[in-house]
Every structure is written in structure tokens, then in C-alpha cells.
Amino acid sequence: MSKVRHVFAWRVSAGNKQEEIVEILNTLPPRLEFIKGWEIGTHAGDPGDNGAPWDGVLISDFESWDDLDRYSTDPFHLEVVATLMPMFADRAVVDYEVEGE
């Protein structure tokens, strides 16, 4: 059995609040039943010599690539993205298949 994992990392743009971003992101799972896993983490601690850390990461799981596509094109998800885009200084995404979980 495999699943598809969607990892989204962001940096908060000046004048915006991490807590607000997390609150907005957390509106998604109750509305989109095809999300099978959801975890948000925000950076804590001194990055030391590791460079500039990302401010937060969202890890979400889906049963299939089709479900990830449904998520990506869902009208409510697109509304959330439009709201959040000005709040990000930078963002990155990695999607991959997880075997055996």
C-alpha cells in the first residue's frame, strides 16, 4: 500500500503573522475529505550554522495522485492559496509517493 505525500514549506513575508497562516491552512482538512493526513510544524530554536530556516511546513497525505490533484484544483483550496500568497516571502513544494505505510 502506498500513499502520496505533499510537503509545503514557507517563509513568512514582512508584516504577516505565522499564527494567521497556520489558522488559515487549518481550514482545509474539515472541508476536503480526501485529505488523509495533516500536520503543520513551525520552526523553533536557533538554526545555528544550518542557514536560514523555513518558518513552517505542512505535510499532508493522500490516497492517490488523483486525490492530490483534486486537492490542488479544489475551489476552496484555491481560495485559501489566493489568501495566503501575499503572506509568503518564499515557498517550496515536494510531492512523492510513500511505500509501505
C-alpha atoms as a PDB file:
ATOM      1  CA  MET A   1       0.000   0.000   0.000  1.00  0.00           C
ATOM      2  CA  SER A   2       1.325   3.434  -0.863  1.00  0.00           C
ATOM      3  CA  LYS A   3       0.184   6.992  -0.427  1.00  0.00           C
ATOM      4  CA  VAL A   4       1.129  10.360  -1.817  1.00  0.00           C
ATOM      5  CA  ARG A   5       2.743  12.895   0.483  1.00  0.00           C
ATOM      6  CA  HIS A   6       2.596  16.636  -0.199  1.00  0.00           C
ATOM      7  CA  VAL A   7       5.185  18.747   1.645  1.00  0.00           C
ATOM      8  CA  PHE A   8       4.818  22.512   1.552  1.00  0.00           C
ATOM      9  CA  ALA A   9       7.322  24.846   3.248  1.00  0.00           C
ATOM     10  CA  TRP A  10       7.090  28.611   3.565  1.00  0.00           C
ATOM     11  CA  ARG A  11       8.756  31.752   4.819  1.00  0.00           C
ATOM     12  CA  VAL A  12       6.533  34.488   6.231  1.00  0.00           C
ATOM     13  CA  SER A  13       6.753  37.851   4.482  1.00  0.00           C
ATOM     14  CA  ALA A  14       7.357  41.015   6.497  1.00  0.00           C
ATOM     15  CA  GLY A  15       4.305  42.331   8.290  1.00  0.00           C
ATOM     16  CA  ASN A  16       2.494  38.968   8.375  1.00  0.00           C
ATOM     17  CA  LYS A  17       1.971  36.529  11.227  1.00  0.00           C
ATOM     18  CA  GLN A  18       2.839  32.854  11.322  1.00  0.00           C
ATOM     19  CA  GLU A  19      -0.170  32.127  13.537  1.00  0.00           C
ATOM     20  CA  GLU A  20      -2.559  33.561  10.958  1.00  0.00           C
ATOM     21  CA  ILE A  21      -1.039  31.425   8.195  1.00  0.00           C
ATOM     22  CA  VAL A  22      -1.434  28.279  10.290  1.00  0.00           C
ATOM     23  CA  GLU A  23      -5.018  29.201  11.180  1.00  0.00           C
ATOM     24  CA  ILE A  24      -5.927  29.697   7.511  1.00  0.00           C
ATOM     25  CA  LEU A  25      -4.230  26.459   6.445  1.00  0.00           C
ATOM     26  CA  ASN A  26      -6.116  24.527   9.114  1.00  0.00           C
ATOM     27  CA  THR A  27      -9.434  25.446   7.467  1.00  0.00           C
ATOM     28  CA  LEU A  28      -8.661  22.938   4.706  1.00  0.00           C
ATOM     29  CA  PRO A  29      -8.971  19.465   6.321  1.00  0.00           C
ATOM     30  CA  PRO A  30     -12.561  19.888   7.595  1.00  0.00           C
ATOM     31  CA  ARG A  31     -13.683  20.905   4.089  1.00  0.00           C
ATOM     32  CA  LEU A  32     -11.722  18.379   1.988  1.00  0.00           C
ATOM     33  CA  GLU A  33     -12.469  14.791   2.991  1.00  0.00           C
ATOM     34  CA  PHE A  34      -9.845  13.316   0.660  1.00  0.00           C
ATOM     35  CA  ILE A  35      -7.027  14.659   2.869  1.00  0.00           C
ATOM     36  CA  LYS A  36      -5.919  11.553   4.800  1.00  0.00           C
ATOM     37  CA  GLY A  37      -3.147  13.063   6.925  1.00  0.00           C
ATOM     38  CA  TRP A  38      -2.380  16.622   8.080  1.00  0.00           C
ATOM     39  CA  GLU A  39       0.470  18.005  10.143  1.00  0.00           C
ATOM     40  CA  ILE A  40       1.822  21.541  10.454  1.00  0.00           C
ATOM     41  CA  GLY A  41       5.081  22.425  12.162  1.00  0.00           C
ATOM     42  CA  THR A  42       6.671  25.796  12.727  1.00  0.00           C
ATOM     43  CA  HIS A  43      10.380  26.362  13.152  1.00  0.00           C
ATOM     44  CA  ALA A  44      11.646  26.637  16.716  1.00  0.00           C
ATOM     45  CA  GLY A  45      15.113  27.265  18.011  1.00  0.00           C
ATOM     46  CA  ASP A  46      18.332  28.711  16.685  1.00  0.00           C
ATOM     47  CA  PRO A  47      19.291  27.406  13.229  1.00  0.00           C
ATOM     48  CA  GLY A  48      22.978  27.634  14.109  1.00  0.00           C
ATOM     49  CA  ASP A  49      25.159  27.040  11.062  1.00  0.00           C
ATOM     50  CA  ASN A  50      22.325  25.458   9.067  1.00  0.00           C
ATOM     51  CA  GLY A  51      21.437  28.666   7.238  1.00  0.00           C
ATOM     52  CA  ALA A  52      18.099  30.426   7.073  1.00  0.00           C
ATOM     53  CA  PRO A  53      15.350  28.002   8.101  1.00  0.00           C
ATOM     54  CA  TRP A  54      11.879  27.835   6.629  1.00  0.00           C
ATOM     55  CA  ASP A  55       9.287  29.288   9.002  1.00  0.00           C
ATOM     56  CA  GLY A  56       6.812  26.451   8.644  1.00  0.00           C
ATOM     57  CA  VAL A  57       5.956  23.205   6.929  1.00  0.00           C
ATOM     58  CA  LEU A  58       2.720  21.449   6.059  1.00  0.00           C
ATOM     59  CA  ILE A  59       2.797  17.686   5.493  1.00  0.00           C
ATOM     60  CA  SER A  60      -0.385  16.236   4.054  1.00  0.00           C
ATOM     61  CA  ASP A  61      -1.165  12.741   2.802  1.00  0.00           C
ATOM     62  CA  PHE A  62      -3.474  11.488   0.069  1.00  0.00           C
ATOM     63  CA  GLU A  63      -4.509   8.017  -1.056  1.00  0.00           C
ATOM     64  CA  SER A  64      -3.552   8.690  -4.691  1.00  0.00           C
ATOM     65  CA  TRP A  65      -2.091  11.152  -7.159  1.00  0.00           C
ATOM     66  CA  ASP A  66      -5.660  11.772  -8.303  1.00  0.00           C
ATOM     67  CA  ASP A  67      -6.621  12.859  -4.779  1.00  0.00           C
ATOM     68  CA  LEU A  68      -3.619  15.203  -4.651  1.00  0.00           C
ATOM     69  CA  ASP A  69      -4.785  16.648  -7.967  1.00  0.00           C
ATOM     70  CA  ARG A  70      -8.317  17.066  -6.540  1.00  0.00           C
ATOM     71  CA  TYR A  71      -6.759  18.938  -3.595  1.00  0.00           C
ATOM     72  CA  SER A  72      -4.645  21.155  -5.863  1.00  0.00           C
ATOM     73  CA  THR A  73      -7.593  22.144  -8.051  1.00  0.00           C
ATOM     74  CA  ASP A  74     -10.347  22.282  -5.427  1.00  0.00           C
ATOM     75  CA  PRO A  75     -12.057  25.722  -5.452  1.00  0.00           C
ATOM     76  CA  PHE A  76     -11.822  26.130  -1.657  1.00  0.00           C
ATOM     77  CA  HIS A  77      -8.111  25.218  -1.722  1.00  0.00           C
ATOM     78  CA  LEU A  78      -7.574  27.767  -4.491  1.00  0.00           C
ATOM     79  CA  GLU A  79      -9.313  30.448  -2.371  1.00  0.00           C
ATOM     80  CA  VAL A  80      -7.010  29.620   0.556  1.00  0.00           C
ATOM     81  CA  VAL A  81      -3.953  29.806  -1.718  1.00  0.00           C
ATOM     82  CA  ALA A  82      -5.045  33.205  -3.059  1.00  0.00           C
ATOM     83  CA  THR A  83      -5.457  34.500   0.500  1.00  0.00           C
ATOM     84  CA  LEU A  84      -2.070  33.160   1.622  1.00  0.00           C
ATOM     85  CA  MET A  85       0.143  34.066  -1.340  1.00  0.00           C
ATOM     86  CA  PRO A  86       0.779  37.680  -0.237  1.00  0.00           C
ATOM     87  CA  MET A  87       1.711  36.362   3.220  1.00  0.00           C
ATOM     88  CA  PHE A  88       4.635  34.273   1.917  1.00  0.00           C
ATOM     89  CA  ALA A  89       8.117  35.604   1.234  1.00  0.00           C
ATOM     90  CA  ASP A  90       9.079  32.247  -0.291  1.00  0.00           C
ATOM     91  CA  ARG A  91       7.614  28.780  -0.649  1.00  0.00           C
ATOM     92  CA  ALA A  92       8.614  25.301  -1.760  1.00  0.00           C
ATOM     93  CA  VAL A  93       6.766  22.065  -2.507  1.00  0.00           C
ATOM     94  CA  VAL A  94       7.796  18.420  -2.765  1.00  0.00           C
ATOM     95  CA  ASP A  95       5.321  15.663  -3.685  1.00  0.00           C
ATOM     96  CA  TYR A  96       6.317  11.998  -3.523  1.00  0.00           C
ATOM     97  CA  GLU A  97       4.993   8.501  -3.132  1.00  0.00           C
ATOM     98  CA  VAL A  98       5.448   6.758   0.219  1.00  0.00           C
ATOM     99  CA  GLU A  99       5.629   2.977   0.011  1.00  0.00           C
ATOM    100  CA  GLY A 100       4.529   0.608   2.724  1.00  0.00           C
ATOM    101  CA  GLU A 101       2.864   2.977   5.170  1.00  0.00           C
END
